[in-house]
Each structure stands twice: as C-alpha cells, then as structure tokens.
Amino acid sequence: MAEYFTERKALQMTLQSLLEQRALLRRQYVDQDKQLGLDIKQILARVRELDQAEGNEEPLLAEEAENGTVGMNVEVMERLKGRKTHTRHDYETVANHVETILREMSALTLNELCDELKRRSGVEFASPYIGIHKTIKHLPQVKVQKDGRKLVFSLAT
C-alpha cells in the first residue's frame, strides 16, 4: 500500500510539473504575440508614412497585413473563402419561381433545380438542400423522390 501512495504522489508531482510548463508556454506565447503585434503596427505606420510621402495611390491596409493577405491575388482568396454569405430569401416568391421551373422542365435534381433557379432569378442558397426544402414547404404539389443518392423534384399531377 505504501507503493500506491508513492506512485500516486509521483504522478501528482509530474502532473503539477506539466501544468506549470503549460502555463509558462502560454505566457511566453502571449508575450511573443503581443511583441509581434507591436512590431507589425510599427512597420505598418512606417509604410503609411512612406506612402504618404511618395503620394502612393495604393496604401497598404492594416486589415490585409493583420490577416496575412498582403500580396495574395483574388483567385486565391476566393478559394480560401469556404462559406457563402447568408442572405434572407422570400421563400414564397422563390416557391413561385420553383413552381414555374418545374412546370416547364418536369423533373429536376437538386443541383439542376438550383442551377436553373440561379440562372433565371439570381437566387442562390448558401445550402441548396436547406434552401430548397424551405421553399417547397410553400408548395404542397411538389413531389420529392430519391433516385439513388440524388433528390428529384417534380410537380404532382
């Protein structure tokens, strides 16, 4: 039993040591981060001074520098951007567009329906599945079937 207490005591001491090391590393990280932030602000201030002195048309933006996007082209930024911005839709109006599309084109898959909706009315959902399902709540005559892994939407006749 004495062995149990010594092993437990050793484990407690090891744990305490690891927690102290962790706290120390966090403090160092915070200090380094603050120092880098100050260095970045100084450099940005100097760049602004030089831009103003030279009358440069395109000054460096602080937001770009802080985000690390200085010099990145638009194509790379678009690829990095994963989510579409949330927009509110009038689902009753969108439902009318969907009904018109389904009357003209009979049965469509989810992707085909969303592409056609975007092409005709400029309506684009951040999540097509959710957007279309919120829309068809207003259309009781729309029938949803599965064809393998695809959803197929059509009007019930």
C-alpha atoms as a PDB file:
ATOM      1  CA  MET A   1       0.000   0.000   0.000  1.00  0.00           C
ATOM      2  CA  ALA A   2       2.924   2.325   0.632  1.00  0.00           C
ATOM      3  CA  GLU A   3       3.908   1.732  -3.007  1.00  0.00           C
ATOM      4  CA  TYR A   4       0.498   3.016  -4.161  1.00  0.00           C
ATOM      5  CA  PHE A   5       0.903   6.288  -2.307  1.00  0.00           C
ATOM      6  CA  THR A   6       4.420   6.885  -3.602  1.00  0.00           C
ATOM      7  CA  GLU A   7       3.391   6.187  -7.217  1.00  0.00           C
ATOM      8  CA  ARG A   8       0.328   8.402  -6.792  1.00  0.00           C
ATOM      9  CA  LYS A   9       2.471  11.131  -5.255  1.00  0.00           C
ATOM     10  CA  ALA A  10       4.941  10.845  -8.150  1.00  0.00           C
ATOM     11  CA  LEU A  11       2.124  11.098 -10.682  1.00  0.00           C
ATOM     12  CA  GLN A  12       0.725  14.165  -8.916  1.00  0.00           C
ATOM     13  CA  MET A  13       4.137  15.822  -8.959  1.00  0.00           C
ATOM     14  CA  THR A  14       4.566  15.008 -12.668  1.00  0.00           C
ATOM     15  CA  LEU A  15       1.119  16.379 -13.422  1.00  0.00           C
ATOM     16  CA  GLN A  16       1.840  19.551 -11.480  1.00  0.00           C
ATOM     17  CA  SER A  17       5.119  19.998 -13.335  1.00  0.00           C
ATOM     18  CA  LEU A  18       3.416  19.550 -16.716  1.00  0.00           C
ATOM     19  CA  LEU A  19       0.690  22.054 -15.815  1.00  0.00           C
ATOM     20  CA  GLU A  20       3.315  24.606 -14.775  1.00  0.00           C
ATOM     21  CA  GLN A  21       5.217  24.085 -18.054  1.00  0.00           C
ATOM     22  CA  ARG A  22       1.989  24.534 -19.964  1.00  0.00           C
ATOM     23  CA  ALA A  23       1.191  27.782 -18.154  1.00  0.00           C
ATOM     24  CA  LEU A  24       4.725  29.045 -18.815  1.00  0.00           C
ATOM     25  CA  LEU A  25       4.441  28.251 -22.527  1.00  0.00           C
ATOM     26  CA  ARG A  26       1.116  30.076 -22.725  1.00  0.00           C
ATOM     27  CA  ARG A  27       2.585  33.161 -21.064  1.00  0.00           C
ATOM     28  CA  GLN A  28       5.535  33.074 -23.469  1.00  0.00           C
ATOM     29  CA  TYR A  29       3.192  32.711 -26.424  1.00  0.00           C
ATOM     30  CA  VAL A  30       1.060  35.652 -25.297  1.00  0.00           C
ATOM     31  CA  ASP A  31       4.146  37.803 -24.750  1.00  0.00           C
ATOM     32  CA  GLN A  32       5.557  36.896 -28.175  1.00  0.00           C
ATOM     33  CA  ASP A  33       2.206  37.524 -29.834  1.00  0.00           C
ATOM     34  CA  LYS A  34       1.966  40.962 -28.232  1.00  0.00           C
ATOM     35  CA  GLN A  35       5.507  41.795 -29.315  1.00  0.00           C
ATOM     36  CA  LEU A  36       4.827  40.700 -32.891  1.00  0.00           C
ATOM     37  CA  GLY A  37       1.649  42.762 -32.893  1.00  0.00           C
ATOM     38  CA  LEU A  38       3.602  45.846 -31.833  1.00  0.00           C
ATOM     39  CA  ASP A  39       6.257  45.178 -34.488  1.00  0.00           C
ATOM     40  CA  ILE A  40       3.558  44.848 -37.151  1.00  0.00           C
ATOM     41  CA  LYS A  41       1.940  48.127 -36.071  1.00  0.00           C
ATOM     42  CA  GLN A  42       5.297  49.927 -36.237  1.00  0.00           C
ATOM     43  CA  ILE A  43       6.032  48.587 -39.700  1.00  0.00           C
ATOM     44  CA  LEU A  44       2.545  49.489 -40.943  1.00  0.00           C
ATOM     45  CA  ALA A  45       2.911  53.008 -39.551  1.00  0.00           C
ATOM     46  CA  ARG A  46       6.244  53.395 -41.339  1.00  0.00           C
ATOM     47  CA  VAL A  47       4.788  52.048 -44.613  1.00  0.00           C
ATOM     48  CA  ARG A  48       1.918  54.547 -44.357  1.00  0.00           C
ATOM     49  CA  GLU A  49       4.393  57.367 -43.778  1.00  0.00           C
ATOM     50  CA  LEU A  50       6.368  56.351 -46.857  1.00  0.00           C
ATOM     51  CA  ASP A  51       3.200  56.031 -48.933  1.00  0.00           C
ATOM     52  CA  GLN A  52       2.030  59.472 -47.879  1.00  0.00           C
ATOM     53  CA  ALA A  53       5.445  60.985 -48.547  1.00  0.00           C
ATOM     54  CA  GLU A  54       5.570  59.463 -52.048  1.00  0.00           C
ATOM     55  CA  GLY A  55       1.884  60.093 -52.775  1.00  0.00           C
ATOM     56  CA  ASN A  56       1.327  56.414 -53.482  1.00  0.00           C
ATOM     57  CA  GLU A  57      -2.115  55.556 -54.831  1.00  0.00           C
ATOM     58  CA  GLU A  58      -2.463  52.124 -53.180  1.00  0.00           C
ATOM     59  CA  PRO A  59      -1.595  52.296 -49.483  1.00  0.00           C
ATOM     60  CA  LEU A  60      -1.188  49.070 -47.549  1.00  0.00           C
ATOM     61  CA  LEU A  61      -4.244  48.324 -45.469  1.00  0.00           C
ATOM     62  CA  ALA A  62      -3.792  47.311 -41.842  1.00  0.00           C
ATOM     63  CA  GLU A  63      -6.543  44.695 -42.161  1.00  0.00           C
ATOM     64  CA  GLU A  64      -4.721  42.992 -45.014  1.00  0.00           C
ATOM     65  CA  ALA A  65      -1.449  42.896 -43.130  1.00  0.00           C
ATOM     66  CA  GLU A  66      -3.014  41.592 -39.945  1.00  0.00           C
ATOM     67  CA  ASN A  67      -4.887  38.898 -41.850  1.00  0.00           C
ATOM     68  CA  GLY A  68      -1.783  37.942 -43.779  1.00  0.00           C
ATOM     69  CA  THR A  69      -3.389  38.662 -47.149  1.00  0.00           C
ATOM     70  CA  VAL A  70      -0.913  41.221 -48.406  1.00  0.00           C
ATOM     71  CA  GLY A  71       0.029  40.341 -51.951  1.00  0.00           C
ATOM     72  CA  MET A  72      -2.465  37.471 -52.332  1.00  0.00           C
ATOM     73  CA  ASN A  73      -4.418  37.556 -55.537  1.00  0.00           C
ATOM     74  CA  VAL A  74      -8.202  37.453 -55.720  1.00  0.00           C
ATOM     75  CA  GLU A  75      -8.330  33.904 -57.071  1.00  0.00           C
ATOM     76  CA  VAL A  76      -6.502  32.516 -54.048  1.00  0.00           C
ATOM     77  CA  MET A  77      -8.716  34.475 -51.665  1.00  0.00           C
ATOM     78  CA  GLU A  78     -11.871  33.116 -53.328  1.00  0.00           C
ATOM     79  CA  ARG A  79     -10.580  29.573 -52.989  1.00  0.00           C
ATOM     80  CA  LEU A  80      -9.841  30.121 -49.311  1.00  0.00           C
ATOM     81  CA  LYS A  81     -13.285  31.527 -48.653  1.00  0.00           C
ATOM     82  CA  GLY A  82     -15.387  28.475 -47.813  1.00  0.00           C
ATOM     83  CA  ARG A  83     -18.787  29.743 -46.833  1.00  0.00           C
ATOM     84  CA  LYS A  84     -21.213  31.813 -48.799  1.00  0.00           C
ATOM     85  CA  THR A  85     -22.663  34.813 -47.056  1.00  0.00           C
ATOM     86  CA  HIS A  86     -26.087  34.365 -45.562  1.00  0.00           C
ATOM     87  CA  THR A  87     -28.890  36.126 -47.393  1.00  0.00           C
ATOM     88  CA  ARG A  88     -32.516  36.232 -46.440  1.00  0.00           C
ATOM     89  CA  HIS A  89     -34.880  34.922 -49.064  1.00  0.00           C
ATOM     90  CA  ASP A  90     -38.588  35.439 -49.539  1.00  0.00           C
ATOM     91  CA  TYR A  91     -39.409  31.741 -49.803  1.00  0.00           C
ATOM     92  CA  GLU A  92     -42.918  32.354 -51.147  1.00  0.00           C
ATOM     93  CA  THR A  93     -41.514  34.284 -54.096  1.00  0.00           C
ATOM     94  CA  VAL A  94     -38.798  31.686 -54.607  1.00  0.00           C
ATOM     95  CA  ALA A  95     -41.504  28.996 -54.438  1.00  0.00           C
ATOM     96  CA  ASN A  96     -43.297  30.678 -57.346  1.00  0.00           C
ATOM     97  CA  HIS A  97     -40.065  30.590 -59.370  1.00  0.00           C
ATOM     98  CA  VAL A  98     -39.524  26.922 -58.489  1.00  0.00           C
ATOM     99  CA  GLU A  99     -43.084  26.051 -59.492  1.00  0.00           C
ATOM    100  CA  THR A 100     -42.620  27.779 -62.853  1.00  0.00           C
ATOM    101  CA  ILE A 101     -39.351  25.952 -63.462  1.00  0.00           C
ATOM    102  CA  LEU A 102     -40.835  22.574 -62.555  1.00  0.00           C
ATOM    103  CA  ARG A 103     -43.840  23.142 -64.851  1.00  0.00           C
ATOM    104  CA  GLU A 104     -41.568  23.882 -67.774  1.00  0.00           C
ATOM    105  CA  MET A 105     -38.917  21.254 -67.150  1.00  0.00           C
ATOM    106  CA  SER A 106     -40.816  18.447 -65.328  1.00  0.00           C
ATOM    107  CA  ALA A 107     -38.444  16.535 -63.009  1.00  0.00           C
ATOM    108  CA  LEU A 108     -35.130  18.038 -61.888  1.00  0.00           C
ATOM    109  CA  THR A 109     -32.422  17.002 -59.455  1.00  0.00           C
ATOM    110  CA  LEU A 110     -31.487  19.299 -56.597  1.00  0.00           C
ATOM    111  CA  ASN A 111     -28.400  20.624 -58.411  1.00  0.00           C
ATOM    112  CA  GLU A 112     -30.262  21.140 -61.679  1.00  0.00           C
ATOM    113  CA  LEU A 113     -33.075  22.955 -59.887  1.00  0.00           C
ATOM    114  CA  CYS A 114     -30.650  25.213 -58.005  1.00  0.00           C
ATOM    115  CA  ASP A 115     -28.670  25.973 -61.174  1.00  0.00           C
ATOM    116  CA  GLU A 116     -31.827  26.843 -63.075  1.00  0.00           C
ATOM    117  CA  LEU A 117     -33.114  28.961 -60.184  1.00  0.00           C
ATOM    118  CA  LYS A 118     -29.828  30.844 -60.071  1.00  0.00           C
ATOM    119  CA  ARG A 119     -29.780  31.327 -63.849  1.00  0.00           C
ATOM    120  CA  ARG A 120     -33.363  32.574 -64.117  1.00  0.00           C
ATOM    121  CA  SER A 121     -33.933  34.505 -60.902  1.00  0.00           C
ATOM    122  CA  GLY A 122     -30.484  35.051 -59.438  1.00  0.00           C
ATOM    123  CA  VAL A 123     -31.455  33.164 -56.279  1.00  0.00           C
ATOM    124  CA  GLU A 124     -28.581  31.253 -54.724  1.00  0.00           C
ATOM    125  CA  PHE A 125     -28.727  29.419 -51.426  1.00  0.00           C
ATOM    126  CA  ALA A 126     -25.777  29.024 -49.082  1.00  0.00           C
ATOM    127  CA  SER A 127     -27.023  25.481 -48.533  1.00  0.00           C
ATOM    128  CA  PRO A 128     -29.063  24.303 -51.535  1.00  0.00           C
ATOM    129  CA  TYR A 129     -30.622  21.362 -49.677  1.00  0.00           C
ATOM    130  CA  ILE A 130     -31.936  23.543 -46.849  1.00  0.00           C
ATOM    131  CA  GLY A 131     -32.969  26.391 -49.138  1.00  0.00           C
ATOM    132  CA  ILE A 132     -34.965  24.191 -51.476  1.00  0.00           C
ATOM    133  CA  HIS A 133     -36.643  22.367 -48.604  1.00  0.00           C
ATOM    134  CA  LYS A 134     -37.682  25.673 -47.005  1.00  0.00           C
ATOM    135  CA  THR A 135     -39.027  26.710 -50.393  1.00  0.00           C
ATOM    136  CA  ILE A 136     -41.052  23.575 -51.107  1.00  0.00           C
ATOM    137  CA  LYS A 137     -42.823  23.912 -47.763  1.00  0.00           C
ATOM    138  CA  HIS A 138     -44.831  26.580 -49.619  1.00  0.00           C
ATOM    139  CA  LEU A 139     -45.546  24.166 -52.499  1.00  0.00           C
ATOM    140  CA  PRO A 140     -47.611  21.174 -51.381  1.00  0.00           C
ATOM    141  CA  GLN A 141     -47.856  19.982 -55.002  1.00  0.00           C
ATOM    142  CA  VAL A 142     -44.095  19.350 -55.271  1.00  0.00           C
ATOM    143  CA  LYS A 143     -43.150  15.693 -55.065  1.00  0.00           C
ATOM    144  CA  VAL A 144     -39.681  14.709 -53.807  1.00  0.00           C
ATOM    145  CA  GLN A 145     -38.237  11.332 -54.795  1.00  0.00           C
ATOM    146  CA  LYS A 146     -34.843   9.730 -54.438  1.00  0.00           C
ATOM    147  CA  ASP A 147     -33.012   8.390 -57.450  1.00  0.00           C
ATOM    148  CA  GLY A 148     -30.044   6.639 -55.909  1.00  0.00           C
ATOM    149  CA  ARG A 149     -28.339   9.345 -53.895  1.00  0.00           C
ATOM    150  CA  LYS A 150     -29.961  12.229 -55.772  1.00  0.00           C
ATOM    151  CA  LEU A 151     -33.171  14.033 -54.875  1.00  0.00           C
ATOM    152  CA  VAL A 152     -35.551  14.542 -57.774  1.00  0.00           C
ATOM    153  CA  PHE A 153     -38.210  17.248 -57.599  1.00  0.00           C
ATOM    154  CA  SER A 154     -41.340  17.246 -59.723  1.00  0.00           C
ATOM    155  CA  LEU A 155     -44.917  18.523 -59.648  1.00  0.00           C
ATOM    156  CA  ALA A 156     -47.580  16.017 -58.642  1.00  0.00           C
ATOM    157  CA  THR A 157     -50.137  15.547 -61.392  1.00  0.00           C
END
